[in-house]
Amino acid sequence: MSCKCGCENCKDEKLEKILQKYNQDKDNLIQILNEVQVQYGYIPKFAQERISEYLNMPMAEIYGVITFYARFTLKPKGKYNIAVCLGTACFVKGSEKILDKVKEKLGIDVGETTADGKFSIEATRCIGACGLAPVFTINDEVYGKATPEMVDRIIDEYMNK
């Protein structure tokens, strides 16, 4: 019987379950990386090494795929991932001010996570809510017609959760 605590044995067990779904064909790399991303919230180095071994692929090739696709990340995201849209409509309507306010409020930059692991920030391209520009999301919640004051208030609400 295995533990469920998140220790190295559990992490390895979760990864092995993902790998067992796929044959050792390099064409399965994207699907495997996607499942690892969902499972861990990012693609940890130990997973990259094990995938490299499993698919008999160089680590550099796996790293290249991970860094090519914006969906994949090498760093864990916060419990609350804040994504600010920098698409054309949002940018024209001031999303850069929204992003600046988020960075100032949390004391981190794009691609970083707060020390407590609660918040992370990313800059995204169009999320398809142009009529609500400027837009930001926190996890799956969309906030439209955003203002810096609104950002301040909403982040405060998440800080108190």
Protein backbone atom coordinates (compact mmCIF):
# COMPACT_ATOMS: atom_id res chain seq x y z
CA MET A 1 0.00 0.00 0.00
CA SER A 2 1.37 3.41 -0.92
CA CYS A 3 1.01 6.69 0.92
CA LYS A 4 -0.87 9.71 -0.44
CA CYS A 5 1.20 12.40 1.23
CA GLY A 6 2.95 13.95 -1.77
CA CYS A 7 6.38 12.56 -0.89
CA GLU A 8 8.80 11.44 -3.58
CA ASN A 9 7.28 7.94 -3.68
CA CYS A 10 3.81 9.36 -4.33
CA LYS A 11 5.12 11.76 -6.98
CA ASP A 12 6.87 8.90 -8.74
CA GLU A 13 3.76 6.74 -8.52
CA LYS A 14 1.57 9.45 -10.07
CA LEU A 15 4.06 9.96 -12.88
CA GLU A 16 4.30 6.22 -13.55
CA LYS A 17 0.50 6.00 -13.84
CA ILE A 18 0.60 8.72 -16.48
CA LEU A 19 3.40 7.02 -18.42
CA GLN A 20 1.69 3.62 -18.35
CA LYS A 21 -1.19 5.07 -20.40
CA TYR A 22 1.14 5.59 -23.36
CA ASN A 23 3.44 3.41 -25.40
CA GLN A 24 7.05 4.54 -25.62
CA ASP A 25 6.56 6.40 -28.90
CA LYS A 26 8.01 9.94 -29.07
CA ASP A 27 4.74 11.08 -30.65
CA ASN A 28 3.15 10.80 -27.21
CA LEU A 29 5.35 13.50 -25.69
CA ILE A 30 2.81 16.35 -25.87
CA GLN A 31 0.03 14.25 -24.33
CA ILE A 32 2.33 13.07 -21.54
CA LEU A 33 3.55 16.60 -20.84
CA ASN A 34 -0.04 17.82 -20.78
CA GLU A 35 -1.05 15.22 -18.19
CA VAL A 36 2.03 15.96 -16.08
CA GLN A 37 1.19 19.68 -16.21
CA VAL A 38 -2.37 18.97 -15.04
CA GLN A 39 -1.18 16.61 -12.29
CA TYR A 40 1.56 18.80 -10.80
CA GLY A 41 0.59 22.29 -11.98
CA TYR A 42 3.92 22.52 -13.82
CA ILE A 43 6.48 20.12 -15.30
CA PRO A 44 9.04 19.34 -12.60
CA LYS A 45 12.60 18.33 -13.43
CA PHE A 46 12.18 14.80 -12.04
CA ALA A 47 9.27 14.30 -14.46
CA GLN A 48 11.31 15.59 -17.40
CA GLU A 49 14.11 13.17 -16.53
CA ARG A 50 11.73 10.22 -16.24
CA ILE A 51 9.95 11.11 -19.50
CA SER A 52 13.34 11.39 -21.20
CA GLU A 53 14.22 7.91 -20.00
CA TYR A 54 10.79 6.45 -20.83
CA LEU A 55 10.64 7.83 -24.39
CA ASN A 56 14.39 7.49 -24.97
CA MET A 57 14.60 11.18 -25.85
CA PRO A 58 17.30 13.71 -24.93
CA MET A 59 16.38 16.08 -22.10
CA ALA A 60 17.21 19.00 -24.40
CA GLU A 61 14.49 17.94 -26.82
CA ILE A 62 11.91 17.66 -24.03
CA TYR A 63 12.98 21.03 -22.63
CA GLY A 64 12.66 22.52 -26.12
CA VAL A 65 9.07 21.32 -26.43
CA ILE A 66 8.17 22.56 -22.94
CA THR A 67 9.59 26.02 -23.57
CA PHE A 68 8.11 26.26 -27.08
CA TYR A 69 4.49 25.88 -25.95
CA ALA A 70 3.12 28.65 -23.72
CA ARG A 71 0.77 26.17 -22.06
CA PHE A 72 3.63 24.41 -20.32
CA THR A 73 5.53 25.85 -17.39
CA LEU A 74 8.68 24.84 -15.55
CA LYS A 75 7.73 26.71 -12.37
CA PRO A 76 4.83 25.93 -10.05
CA LYS A 77 1.97 28.40 -10.24
CA GLY A 78 0.29 29.83 -7.21
CA LYS A 79 -2.99 28.64 -5.77
CA TYR A 80 -4.46 31.70 -7.49
CA ASN A 81 -2.98 32.24 -10.94
CA ILE A 82 -3.64 35.76 -12.18
CA ALA A 83 -3.50 36.12 -15.96
CA VAL A 84 -3.70 39.60 -17.48
CA CYS A 85 -4.73 39.76 -21.13
CA LEU A 86 -2.37 41.83 -23.26
CA GLY A 87 -4.22 41.20 -26.52
CA THR A 88 -4.87 44.20 -28.76
CA ALA A 89 -8.31 45.19 -27.43
CA CYS A 90 -7.23 44.83 -23.80
CA PHE A 91 -3.91 46.58 -24.37
CA VAL A 92 -5.58 49.55 -26.08
CA LYS A 93 -7.98 49.85 -23.14
CA GLY A 94 -5.23 49.85 -20.51
CA SER A 95 -4.38 46.27 -19.58
CA GLU A 96 -0.76 47.32 -19.05
CA LYS A 97 -1.92 49.42 -16.07
CA ILE A 98 -3.81 46.37 -14.77
CA LEU A 99 -0.68 44.23 -15.04
CA ASP A 100 1.43 46.91 -13.33
CA LYS A 101 -1.07 47.08 -10.46
CA VAL A 102 -1.05 43.27 -10.02
CA LYS A 103 2.77 43.22 -9.96
CA GLU A 104 2.90 46.12 -7.49
CA LYS A 105 0.23 44.61 -5.23
CA LEU A 106 1.87 41.18 -5.06
CA GLY A 107 5.50 42.30 -5.21
CA ILE A 108 6.35 39.81 -7.96
CA ASP A 109 6.84 39.92 -11.71
CA VAL A 110 5.28 38.01 -14.59
CA GLY A 111 6.21 34.33 -14.37
CA GLU A 112 6.80 34.46 -10.63
CA THR A 113 4.95 33.08 -7.62
CA THR A 114 4.65 34.72 -4.21
CA ALA A 115 6.80 33.21 -1.46
CA ASP A 116 3.72 31.75 0.24
CA GLY A 117 2.69 30.00 -3.00
CA LYS A 118 -0.67 31.75 -3.02
CA PHE A 119 -0.39 33.93 -6.16
CA SER A 120 1.35 33.82 -9.52
CA ILE A 121 1.17 36.19 -12.47
CA GLU A 122 1.18 35.59 -16.19
CA ALA A 123 0.66 37.83 -19.18
CA THR A 124 -1.52 36.26 -21.85
CA ARG A 125 -2.68 37.06 -25.32
CA CYS A 126 -6.33 37.35 -26.31
CA ILE A 127 -8.66 35.24 -24.19
CA GLY A 128 -11.70 35.98 -26.34
CA ALA A 129 -13.43 38.48 -24.07
CA CYS A 130 -12.61 41.59 -26.09
CA GLY A 131 -16.00 43.18 -25.39
CA LEU A 132 -15.07 43.23 -21.69
CA ALA A 133 -11.60 44.73 -22.22
CA PRO A 134 -9.41 45.10 -20.28
CA VAL A 135 -9.68 41.62 -18.82
CA PHE A 136 -7.81 39.54 -16.27
CA THR A 137 -8.55 36.12 -14.84
CA ILE A 138 -7.92 34.48 -11.52
CA ASN A 139 -7.89 30.76 -12.19
CA ASP A 140 -11.11 30.29 -14.20
CA GLU A 141 -12.88 33.46 -13.04
CA VAL A 142 -12.97 36.29 -15.62
CA TYR A 143 -12.92 39.93 -14.51
CA GLY A 144 -13.83 42.40 -17.26
CA LYS A 145 -13.76 46.17 -17.66
CA ALA A 146 -10.99 46.06 -15.11
CA THR A 147 -9.50 49.05 -13.37
CA PRO A 148 -6.45 49.23 -11.09
CA GLU A 149 -8.80 49.92 -8.14
CA MET A 150 -10.83 46.83 -9.00
CA VAL A 151 -7.64 44.74 -9.10
CA ASP A 152 -6.69 46.01 -5.66
CA ARG A 153 -10.09 45.09 -4.19
CA ILE A 154 -10.30 41.65 -5.84
CA ILE A 155 -6.79 40.60 -4.85
CA ASP A 156 -7.58 41.66 -1.27
CA GLU A 157 -10.59 39.32 -1.35
CA TYR A 158 -8.39 36.42 -2.50
CA MET A 159 -5.77 37.23 0.14
CA ASN A 160 -8.42 36.73 2.80
CA LYS A 161 -9.58 33.35 1.48
